[in-house]
Amino acid sequence: MRDTRLRFLLARTTSNTPRRAGIQSPGPRNSQLNLTGLLIAVLLVCSAGVAGAEDDVVVGHNAVGQLKVQVGFDEPFGLPVSVFPGIPGYATGAMGFHSAALDQPSNDFFQLTPTAGFRFILLTNDPGMEVWNDHGSGYMTNGESFYVGVAPFDTHPVWNLLGGRPGDWFSLTLRFRDLNGVYSDSDPFVLTFTPNPPVLMISPAAPGFVTLSWAPTAPGLVLQMSPSLTPAAWTSAPSGTNNPAMVPVSSPARFYRVSK
């Protein structure tokens, strides 16, 4: 698993209107607040891109009748904090399997016949990286299959990471199979995932202070600060792991990050 540190920088602004750059607004803006001089959080480094609204693994076959997959997104796939009741950690159903819509002879990739019937099989998984079964009753076990159906299909399992640090990679190895014997099994393919990084938010507090907070809250995340980036000299802020944290709006500016 790759280790990538997340950094969140703070820079001064002289505008009365909050600027947004890789952060979430803390809520509706109060036009009566004087936001001059507030620090604005900027996401500087994040190793994994946030996945789009829907991303697919496209399934087709090659010229000799073997199932073949094309991963249509950059990996690792970023998993958001779970919004599913009873599913902990990070989870999404946005990424799924889609049957090929067009033939691509130059890629030896062709549409599937509707006479075939498909499942994917979980071969291996990293500890804590799970996919829910097609009944929604629990995690798949190694060797278990997930019903996909006949082409055309657009099937979205729930991918679930129980914990981990943004930037670390967690993998599943899968295989596609046709139960009707029209096509031979695909080669094993690997899908990799990572927790989405926390979003750092800023809001006005008491005069001379702002409140910094981040979500999701993960154990061990610490707010750090540095007077400069050239060179950086990161030290833990007095608030430590407290989330939210109140920090002074002081001069000269300080740079902040969340680190683990």
C-alpha atoms as a PDB file:
ATOM      1  CA  MET A   1       0.000   0.000   0.000  1.00  0.00           C
ATOM      2  CA  ARG A   2       1.298   3.435  -0.900  1.00  0.00           C
ATOM      3  CA  ASP A   3       1.661   6.069   1.826  1.00  0.00           C
ATOM      4  CA  THR A   4       0.820   9.612   0.810  1.00  0.00           C
ATOM      5  CA  ARG A   5       0.597  12.505   3.233  1.00  0.00           C
ATOM      6  CA  LEU A   6      -2.240  14.980   2.879  1.00  0.00           C
ATOM      7  CA  ARG A   7      -1.509  18.662   3.185  1.00  0.00           C
ATOM      8  CA  PHE A   8      -3.956  21.508   3.579  1.00  0.00           C
ATOM      9  CA  LEU A   9      -2.565  25.016   3.244  1.00  0.00           C
ATOM     10  CA  LEU A  10      -3.991  28.256   4.515  1.00  0.00           C
ATOM     11  CA  ALA A  11      -3.401  31.576   2.766  1.00  0.00           C
ATOM     12  CA  ARG A  12      -4.662  35.089   3.416  1.00  0.00           C
ATOM     13  CA  THR A  13      -7.327  36.763   1.352  1.00  0.00           C
ATOM     14  CA  THR A  14      -8.362  40.400   1.317  1.00  0.00           C
ATOM     15  CA  SER A  15     -11.774  39.769  -0.205  1.00  0.00           C
ATOM     16  CA  ASN A  16     -14.971  40.059   1.814  1.00  0.00           C
ATOM     17  CA  THR A  17     -16.340  37.061  -0.089  1.00  0.00           C
ATOM     18  CA  PRO A  18     -15.031  33.612   0.797  1.00  0.00           C
ATOM     19  CA  ARG A  19     -13.131  31.929  -2.024  1.00  0.00           C
ATOM     20  CA  ARG A  20     -13.528  28.201  -2.525  1.00  0.00           C
ATOM     21  CA  ALA A  21     -10.536  26.117  -3.570  1.00  0.00           C
ATOM     22  CA  GLY A  22     -10.782  22.482  -2.706  1.00  0.00           C
ATOM     23  CA  ILE A  23     -12.886  23.115   0.403  1.00  0.00           C
ATOM     24  CA  GLN A  24     -16.523  22.951   1.379  1.00  0.00           C
ATOM     25  CA  SER A  25     -18.366  26.022   2.525  1.00  0.00           C
ATOM     26  CA  PRO A  26     -19.392  25.711   6.181  1.00  0.00           C
ATOM     27  CA  GLY A  27     -22.943  26.735   5.277  1.00  0.00           C
ATOM     28  CA  PRO A  28     -24.926  29.706   3.982  1.00  0.00           C
ATOM     29  CA  ARG A  29     -22.870  32.868   4.069  1.00  0.00           C
ATOM     30  CA  ASN A  30     -23.852  35.533   6.549  1.00  0.00           C
ATOM     31  CA  SER A  31     -23.536  38.773   4.590  1.00  0.00           C
ATOM     32  CA  GLN A  32     -23.132  40.733   7.827  1.00  0.00           C
ATOM     33  CA  LEU A  33     -19.906  38.984   8.692  1.00  0.00           C
ATOM     34  CA  ASN A  34     -16.669  40.742   7.883  1.00  0.00           C
ATOM     35  CA  LEU A  35     -14.528  37.992   6.432  1.00  0.00           C
ATOM     36  CA  THR A  36     -11.572  40.220   5.522  1.00  0.00           C
ATOM     37  CA  GLY A  37      -8.326  38.575   6.484  1.00  0.00           C
ATOM     38  CA  LEU A  38      -9.787  35.152   7.090  1.00  0.00           C
ATOM     39  CA  LEU A  39      -7.612  32.235   6.189  1.00  0.00           C
ATOM     40  CA  ILE A  40      -8.795  30.164   3.262  1.00  0.00           C
ATOM     41  CA  ALA A  41      -8.061  26.455   3.177  1.00  0.00           C
ATOM     42  CA  VAL A  42      -6.532  25.098   0.006  1.00  0.00           C
ATOM     43  CA  LEU A  43      -6.028  21.461  -0.716  1.00  0.00           C
ATOM     44  CA  LEU A  44      -2.463  21.191  -1.972  1.00  0.00           C
ATOM     45  CA  VAL A  45      -1.675  17.502  -2.247  1.00  0.00           C
ATOM     46  CA  CYS A  46      -3.920  14.509  -2.649  1.00  0.00           C
ATOM     47  CA  SER A  47      -2.688  11.336  -4.301  1.00  0.00           C
ATOM     48  CA  ALA A  48      -6.074   9.914  -5.339  1.00  0.00           C
ATOM     49  CA  GLY A  49      -8.594  11.757  -7.449  1.00  0.00           C
ATOM     50  CA  VAL A  50     -12.167  11.864  -6.269  1.00  0.00           C
ATOM     51  CA  ALA A  51     -14.298   9.599  -8.373  1.00  0.00           C
ATOM     52  CA  GLY A  52     -17.037  10.988 -10.560  1.00  0.00           C
ATOM     53  CA  ALA A  53     -20.762  10.495 -10.140  1.00  0.00           C
ATOM     54  CA  GLU A  54     -20.632   7.136 -11.926  1.00  0.00           C
ATOM     55  CA  ASP A  55     -17.670   5.109 -13.126  1.00  0.00           C
ATOM     56  CA  ASP A  56     -17.736   1.759 -14.861  1.00  0.00           C
ATOM     57  CA  VAL A  57     -15.796  -1.390 -15.544  1.00  0.00           C
ATOM     58  CA  VAL A  58     -16.880  -2.205 -19.104  1.00  0.00           C
ATOM     59  CA  VAL A  59     -17.305  -5.894 -19.933  1.00  0.00           C
ATOM     60  CA  GLY A  60     -17.018  -7.378 -23.437  1.00  0.00           C
ATOM     61  CA  HIS A  61     -15.221 -10.255 -25.127  1.00  0.00           C
ATOM     62  CA  ASN A  62     -12.262 -10.729 -27.437  1.00  0.00           C
ATOM     63  CA  ALA A  63     -12.138 -12.360 -30.857  1.00  0.00           C
ATOM     64  CA  VAL A  64     -11.550 -15.844 -29.451  1.00  0.00           C
ATOM     65  CA  GLY A  65     -14.557 -15.680 -27.137  1.00  0.00           C
ATOM     66  CA  GLN A  66     -12.893 -14.853 -23.824  1.00  0.00           C
ATOM     67  CA  LEU A  67     -14.522 -12.300 -21.532  1.00  0.00           C
ATOM     68  CA  LYS A  68     -12.523  -9.106 -21.215  1.00  0.00           C
ATOM     69  CA  VAL A  69     -12.826  -6.004 -19.024  1.00  0.00           C
ATOM     70  CA  GLN A  70     -11.811  -2.385 -19.476  1.00  0.00           C
ATOM     71  CA  VAL A  71     -11.478  -0.224 -16.357  1.00  0.00           C
ATOM     72  CA  GLY A  72     -12.930   3.163 -17.245  1.00  0.00           C
ATOM     73  CA  PHE A  73     -11.492   5.262 -14.408  1.00  0.00           C
ATOM     74  CA  ASP A  74      -8.194   6.133 -12.790  1.00  0.00           C
ATOM     75  CA  GLU A  75      -7.185   4.000  -9.850  1.00  0.00           C
ATOM     76  CA  PRO A  76      -7.252   3.927  -6.936  1.00  0.00           C
ATOM     77  CA  PHE A  77     -10.973   4.636  -6.861  1.00  0.00           C
ATOM     78  CA  GLY A  78     -11.795   7.121  -4.085  1.00  0.00           C
ATOM     79  CA  LEU A  79     -14.390   5.898  -1.598  1.00  0.00           C
ATOM     80  CA  PRO A  80     -16.475   8.455   0.314  1.00  0.00           C
ATOM     81  CA  VAL A  81     -17.632   8.063   3.894  1.00  0.00           C
ATOM     82  CA  SER A  82     -20.502   5.575   3.893  1.00  0.00           C
ATOM     83  CA  VAL A  83     -24.025   6.993   3.791  1.00  0.00           C
ATOM     84  CA  PHE A  84     -25.590   3.518   3.840  1.00  0.00           C
ATOM     85  CA  PRO A  85     -27.312   2.524   7.110  1.00  0.00           C
ATOM     86  CA  GLY A  86     -25.505  -0.358   8.735  1.00  0.00           C
ATOM     87  CA  ILE A  87     -22.462  -0.112   6.443  1.00  0.00           C
ATOM     88  CA  PRO A  88     -19.445   1.326   8.297  1.00  0.00           C
ATOM     89  CA  GLY A  89     -16.334   3.073   7.039  1.00  0.00           C
ATOM     90  CA  TYR A  90     -16.192   4.167   3.409  1.00  0.00           C
ATOM     91  CA  ALA A  91     -18.617   2.882   0.789  1.00  0.00           C
ATOM     92  CA  THR A  92     -20.151   3.609  -2.597  1.00  0.00           C
ATOM     93  CA  GLY A  93     -22.334   2.072  -5.266  1.00  0.00           C
ATOM     94  CA  ALA A  94     -21.277   4.620  -7.879  1.00  0.00           C
ATOM     95  CA  MET A  95     -18.777   2.297  -9.535  1.00  0.00           C
ATOM     96  CA  GLY A  96     -20.273  -0.644 -11.404  1.00  0.00           C
ATOM     97  CA  PHE A  97     -20.113  -3.074 -14.319  1.00  0.00           C
ATOM     98  CA  HIS A  98     -21.511  -2.085 -17.707  1.00  0.00           C
ATOM     99  CA  SER A  99     -21.769  -4.254 -20.801  1.00  0.00           C
ATOM    100  CA  ALA A 100     -19.926  -2.941 -23.853  1.00  0.00           C
ATOM    101  CA  ALA A 101     -22.111  -0.676 -25.963  1.00  0.00           C
ATOM    102  CA  LEU A 102     -19.923  -0.724 -29.096  1.00  0.00           C
ATOM    103  CA  ASP A 103     -17.517  -3.041 -30.849  1.00  0.00           C
ATOM    104  CA  GLN A 104     -13.874  -1.934 -30.768  1.00  0.00           C
ATOM    105  CA  PRO A 105     -12.057  -4.176 -33.256  1.00  0.00           C
ATOM    106  CA  SER A 106      -8.816  -2.244 -32.889  1.00  0.00           C
ATOM    107  CA  ASN A 107      -8.831  -3.136 -29.168  1.00  0.00           C
ATOM    108  CA  ASP A 108     -10.034  -6.714 -29.722  1.00  0.00           C
ATOM    109  CA  PHE A 109     -13.123  -5.819 -27.685  1.00  0.00           C
ATOM    110  CA  PHE A 110     -16.691  -6.661 -28.711  1.00  0.00           C
ATOM    111  CA  GLN A 111     -20.279  -6.480 -27.454  1.00  0.00           C
ATOM    112  CA  LEU A 112     -21.808  -9.362 -25.536  1.00  0.00           C
ATOM    113  CA  THR A 113     -24.620 -11.574 -26.782  1.00  0.00           C
ATOM    114  CA  PRO A 114     -27.878 -11.576 -24.766  1.00  0.00           C
ATOM    115  CA  THR A 115     -27.811 -15.393 -24.704  1.00  0.00           C
ATOM    116  CA  ALA A 116     -25.018 -15.400 -22.125  1.00  0.00           C
ATOM    117  CA  GLY A 117     -25.529 -14.964 -18.375  1.00  0.00           C
ATOM    118  CA  PHE A 118     -22.945 -13.266 -16.227  1.00  0.00           C
ATOM    119  CA  ARG A 119     -21.546 -13.232 -12.712  1.00  0.00           C
ATOM    120  CA  PHE A 120     -18.354 -11.896 -11.228  1.00  0.00           C
ATOM    121  CA  ILE A 121     -16.361 -13.932  -8.735  1.00  0.00           C
ATOM    122  CA  LEU A 122     -14.369 -12.562  -5.811  1.00  0.00           C
ATOM    123  CA  LEU A 123     -10.960 -14.238  -5.861  1.00  0.00           C
ATOM    124  CA  THR A 124      -9.026 -12.338  -3.175  1.00  0.00           C
ATOM    125  CA  ASN A 125      -9.365  -9.191  -1.110  1.00  0.00           C
ATOM    126  CA  ASP A 126      -7.109  -7.101   1.096  1.00  0.00           C
ATOM    127  CA  PRO A 127      -8.099  -7.108   4.789  1.00  0.00           C
ATOM    128  CA  GLY A 128     -10.867  -4.571   5.363  1.00  0.00           C
ATOM    129  CA  MET A 129     -11.689  -4.153   1.648  1.00  0.00           C
ATOM    130  CA  GLU A 130     -15.079  -5.722   1.003  1.00  0.00           C
ATOM    131  CA  VAL A 131     -17.833  -5.969  -1.591  1.00  0.00           C
ATOM    132  CA  TRP A 132     -21.401  -6.756  -0.531  1.00  0.00           C
ATOM    133  CA  ASN A 133     -23.158  -9.788  -1.994  1.00  0.00           C
ATOM    134  CA  ASP A 134     -26.037  -9.565  -4.445  1.00  0.00           C
ATOM    135  CA  HIS A 135     -28.594 -10.103  -1.646  1.00  0.00           C
ATOM    136  CA  GLY A 136     -27.236  -7.225   0.440  1.00  0.00           C
ATOM    137  CA  SER A 137     -27.010  -9.565   3.415  1.00  0.00           C
ATOM    138  CA  GLY A 138     -23.254  -9.476   3.992  1.00  0.00           C
ATOM    139  CA  TYR A 139     -19.765  -9.393   2.536  1.00  0.00           C
ATOM    140  CA  MET A 140     -18.778 -11.695  -0.291  1.00  0.00           C
ATOM    141  CA  THR A 141     -16.318 -14.443   0.587  1.00  0.00           C
ATOM    142  CA  ASN A 142     -13.479 -15.602  -1.630  1.00  0.00           C
ATOM    143  CA  GLY A 143     -14.873 -17.839  -4.346  1.00  0.00           C
ATOM    144  CA  GLU A 144     -18.398 -16.454  -4.054  1.00  0.00           C
ATOM    145  CA  SER A 145     -20.158 -15.113  -7.151  1.00  0.00           C
ATOM    146  CA  PHE A 146     -22.327 -12.020  -7.666  1.00  0.00           C
ATOM    147  CA  TYR A 147     -25.265 -12.169 -10.082  1.00  0.00           C
ATOM    148  CA  VAL A 148     -24.943  -9.649 -12.920  1.00  0.00           C
ATOM    149  CA  GLY A 149     -27.472 -10.980 -15.451  1.00  0.00           C
ATOM    150  CA  VAL A 150     -27.717 -10.855 -19.228  1.00  0.00           C
ATOM    151  CA  ALA A 151     -26.474  -8.122 -21.550  1.00  0.00           C
ATOM    152  CA  PRO A 152     -27.148  -5.271 -21.659  1.00  0.00           C
ATOM    153  CA  PHE A 153     -26.460  -4.774 -17.950  1.00  0.00           C
ATOM    154  CA  ASP A 154     -25.482  -1.942 -15.636  1.00  0.00           C
ATOM    155  CA  THR A 155     -24.849  -3.459 -12.214  1.00  0.00           C
ATOM    156  CA  HIS A 156     -23.565  -1.565  -9.188  1.00  0.00           C
ATOM    157  CA  PRO A 157     -22.412  -3.537  -6.138  1.00  0.00           C
ATOM    158  CA  VAL A 158     -21.633  -1.769  -2.862  1.00  0.00           C
ATOM    159  CA  TRP A 159     -17.872  -1.453  -2.375  1.00  0.00           C
ATOM    160  CA  ASN A 160     -16.956  -1.079   1.279  1.00  0.00           C
ATOM    161  CA  LEU A 161     -13.665  -0.212   2.983  1.00  0.00           C
ATOM    162  CA  LEU A 162     -13.890  -0.626   6.751  1.00  0.00           C
ATOM    163  CA  GLY A 163     -11.042   1.765   7.540  1.00  0.00           C
ATOM    164  CA  GLY A 164      -7.724   3.101   6.351  1.00  0.00           C
ATOM    165  CA  ARG A 165      -5.731   6.196   5.582  1.00  0.00           C
ATOM    166  CA  PRO A 166      -6.282   8.318   2.469  1.00  0.00           C
ATOM    167  CA  GLY A 167      -3.518   7.531   0.009  1.00  0.00           C
ATOM    168  CA  ASP A 168      -3.230   3.881   1.059  1.00  0.00           C
ATOM    169  CA  TRP A 169      -4.382   1.378  -1.567  1.00  0.00           C
ATOM    170  CA  PHE A 170      -6.702  -1.563  -0.929  1.00  0.00           C
ATOM    171  CA  SER A 171      -7.429  -4.141  -3.604  1.00  0.00           C
ATOM    172  CA  LEU A 172      -9.924  -6.766  -4.736  1.00  0.00           C
ATOM    173  CA  THR A 173      -9.168  -9.406  -7.375  1.00  0.00           C
ATOM    174  CA  LEU A 174     -12.158 -10.473  -9.486  1.00  0.00           C
ATOM    175  CA  ARG A 175     -13.018 -12.614 -12.473  1.00  0.00           C
ATOM    176  CA  PHE A 176     -16.005 -12.426 -14.854  1.00  0.00           C
ATOM    177  CA  ARG A 177     -17.808 -15.635 -15.805  1.00  0.00           C
ATOM    178  CA  ASP A 178     -20.548 -16.639 -18.250  1.00  0.00           C
ATOM    179  CA  LEU A 179     -22.769 -19.323 -16.703  1.00  0.00           C
ATOM    180  CA  ASN A 180     -24.238 -20.286 -20.074  1.00  0.00           C
ATOM    181  CA  GLY A 181     -20.943 -21.332 -21.617  1.00  0.00           C
ATOM    182  CA  VAL A 182     -20.954 -18.879 -24.527  1.00  0.00           C
ATOM    183  CA  TYR A 183     -17.696 -17.261 -23.371  1.00  0.00           C
ATOM    184  CA  SER A 184     -14.700 -18.439 -21.386  1.00  0.00           C
ATOM    185  CA  ASP A 185     -13.767 -16.746 -18.111  1.00  0.00           C
ATOM    186  CA  SER A 186     -11.978 -13.422 -18.104  1.00  0.00           C
ATOM    187  CA  ASP A 187      -8.450 -13.155 -16.815  1.00  0.00           C
ATOM    188  CA  PRO A 188      -8.313 -12.108 -13.151  1.00  0.00           C
ATOM    189  CA  PHE A 189      -8.405  -8.319 -12.782  1.00  0.00           C
ATOM    190  CA  VAL A 190      -7.628  -6.092  -9.834  1.00  0.00           C
ATOM    191  CA  LEU A 191      -9.596  -3.059  -8.639  1.00  0.00           C
ATOM    192  CA  THR A 192      -7.910  -0.708  -6.170  1.00  0.00           C
ATOM    193  CA  PHE A 193      -9.552   1.706  -3.743  1.00  0.00           C
ATOM    194  CA  THR A 194      -8.555   4.378  -1.261  1.00  0.00           C
ATOM    195  CA  PRO A 195     -10.484   6.436   1.300  1.00  0.00           C
ATOM    196  CA  ASN A 196     -11.292   9.904   0.051  1.00  0.00           C
ATOM    197  CA  PRO A 197      -9.198  12.502   1.900  1.00  0.00           C
ATOM    198  CA  PRO A 198     -10.822  14.597   4.610  1.00  0.00           C
ATOM    199  CA  VAL A 199     -12.248  17.935   3.500  1.00  0.00           C
ATOM    200  CA  LEU A 200     -10.890  20.865   5.475  1.00  0.00           C
ATOM    201  CA  MET A 201     -13.444  23.588   6.242  1.00  0.00           C
ATOM    202  CA  ILE A 202     -13.094  27.073   7.687  1.00  0.00           C
ATOM    203  CA  SER A 203     -15.646  29.308   9.380  1.00  0.00           C
ATOM    204  CA  PRO A 204     -15.538  32.576  11.335  1.00  0.00           C
ATOM    205  CA  ALA A 205     -15.411  32.319  15.108  1.00  0.00           C
ATOM    206  CA  ALA A 206     -14.847  34.861  17.882  1.00  0.00           C
ATOM    207  CA  PRO A 207     -13.132  38.121  16.869  1.00  0.00           C
ATOM    208  CA  GLY A 208      -9.559  37.352  15.870  1.00  0.00           C
ATOM    209  CA  PHE A 209     -10.185  33.624  15.410  1.00  0.00           C
ATOM    210  CA  VAL A 210     -11.422  31.142  12.836  1.00  0.00           C
ATOM    211  CA  THR A 211     -12.611  27.592  13.304  1.00  0.00           C
ATOM    212  CA  LEU A 212     -10.987  24.798  11.307  1.00  0.00           C
ATOM    213  CA  SER A 213     -12.697  21.433  11.004  1.00  0.00           C
ATOM    214  CA  TRP A 214     -12.383  18.396   8.780  1.00  0.00           C
ATOM    215  CA  ALA A 215     -14.557  15.518   7.696  1.00  0.00           C
ATOM    216  CA  PRO A 216     -14.502  12.635   7.837  1.00  0.00           C
ATOM    217  CA  THR A 217     -12.991  12.425  11.282  1.00  0.00           C
ATOM    218  CA  ALA A 218     -10.415   9.657  11.362  1.00  0.00           C
ATOM    219  CA  PRO A 219      -8.409   8.524  14.393  1.00  0.00           C
ATOM    220  CA  GLY A 220      -4.951  10.028  14.615  1.00  0.00           C
ATOM    221  CA  LEU A 221      -5.448  13.059  12.364  1.00  0.00           C
ATOM    222  CA  VAL A 222      -3.582  16.038  13.792  1.00  0.00           C
ATOM    223  CA  LEU A 223      -3.744  19.703  12.832  1.00  0.00           C
ATOM    224  CA  GLN A 224      -0.212  20.941  12.111  1.00  0.00           C
ATOM    225  CA  MET A 225       1.191  24.384  11.335  1.00  0.00           C
ATOM    226  CA  SER A 226       4.294  25.930   9.803  1.00  0.00           C
ATOM    227  CA  PRO A 227       5.425  29.556   9.488  1.00  0.00           C
ATOM    228  CA  SER A 228       6.722  28.879   5.961  1.00  0.00           C
ATOM    229  CA  LEU A 229       6.823  26.342   3.162  1.00  0.00           C
ATOM    230  CA  THR A 230      10.356  27.186   2.013  1.00  0.00           C
ATOM    231  CA  PRO A 231      11.448  25.341   4.034  1.00  0.00           C
ATOM    232  CA  ALA A 232       8.484  23.908   5.914  1.00  0.00           C
ATOM    233  CA  ALA A 233       8.788  23.340   9.641  1.00  0.00           C
ATOM    234  CA  TRP A 234       5.641  21.465  10.609  1.00  0.00           C
ATOM    235  CA  THR A 235       4.714  21.247  14.271  1.00  0.00           C
ATOM    236  CA  SER A 236       1.483  20.118  15.886  1.00  0.00           C
ATOM    237  CA  ALA A 237      -0.952  22.929  16.566  1.00  0.00           C
ATOM    238  CA  PRO A 238      -1.912  23.396  20.220  1.00  0.00           C
ATOM    239  CA  SER A 239      -5.299  21.870  19.409  1.00  0.00           C
ATOM    240  CA  GLY A 240      -3.662  18.582  18.398  1.00  0.00           C
ATOM    241  CA  THR A 241      -6.285  16.046  17.353  1.00  0.00           C
ATOM    242  CA  ASN A 242      -9.245  18.198  18.429  1.00  0.00           C
ATOM    243  CA  ASN A 243     -11.795  18.611  15.648  1.00  0.00           C
ATOM    244  CA  PRO A 244     -13.002  21.342  15.305  1.00  0.00           C
ATOM    245  CA  ALA A 245     -10.100  23.585  16.301  1.00  0.00           C
ATOM    246  CA  MET A 246     -10.076  27.346  16.883  1.00  0.00           C
ATOM    247  CA  VAL A 247      -6.974  29.123  15.568  1.00  0.00           C
ATOM    248  CA  PRO A 248      -5.981  32.796  15.705  1.00  0.00           C
ATOM    249  CA  VAL A 249      -5.940  35.033  12.647  1.00  0.00           C
ATOM    250  CA  SER A 250      -2.436  36.337  13.233  1.00  0.00           C
ATOM    251  CA  SER A 251       0.229  38.088  11.211  1.00  0.00           C
ATOM    252  CA  PRO A 252       2.381  36.840   9.606  1.00  0.00           C
ATOM    253  CA  ALA A 253       0.246  34.107   8.083  1.00  0.00           C
ATOM    254  CA  ARG A 254       0.674  30.504   9.122  1.00  0.00           C
ATOM    255  CA  PHE A 255       0.244  27.413   7.015  1.00  0.00           C
ATOM    256  CA  TYR A 256      -1.852  24.532   8.272  1.00  0.00           C
ATOM    257  CA  ARG A 257      -2.291  20.928   7.282  1.00  0.00           C
ATOM    258  CA  VAL A 258      -4.015  17.818   8.582  1.00  0.00           C
ATOM    259  CA  SER A 259      -1.611  14.925   8.916  1.00  0.00           C
ATOM    260  CA  LYS A 260      -1.449  11.439  10.367  1.00  0.00           C
END
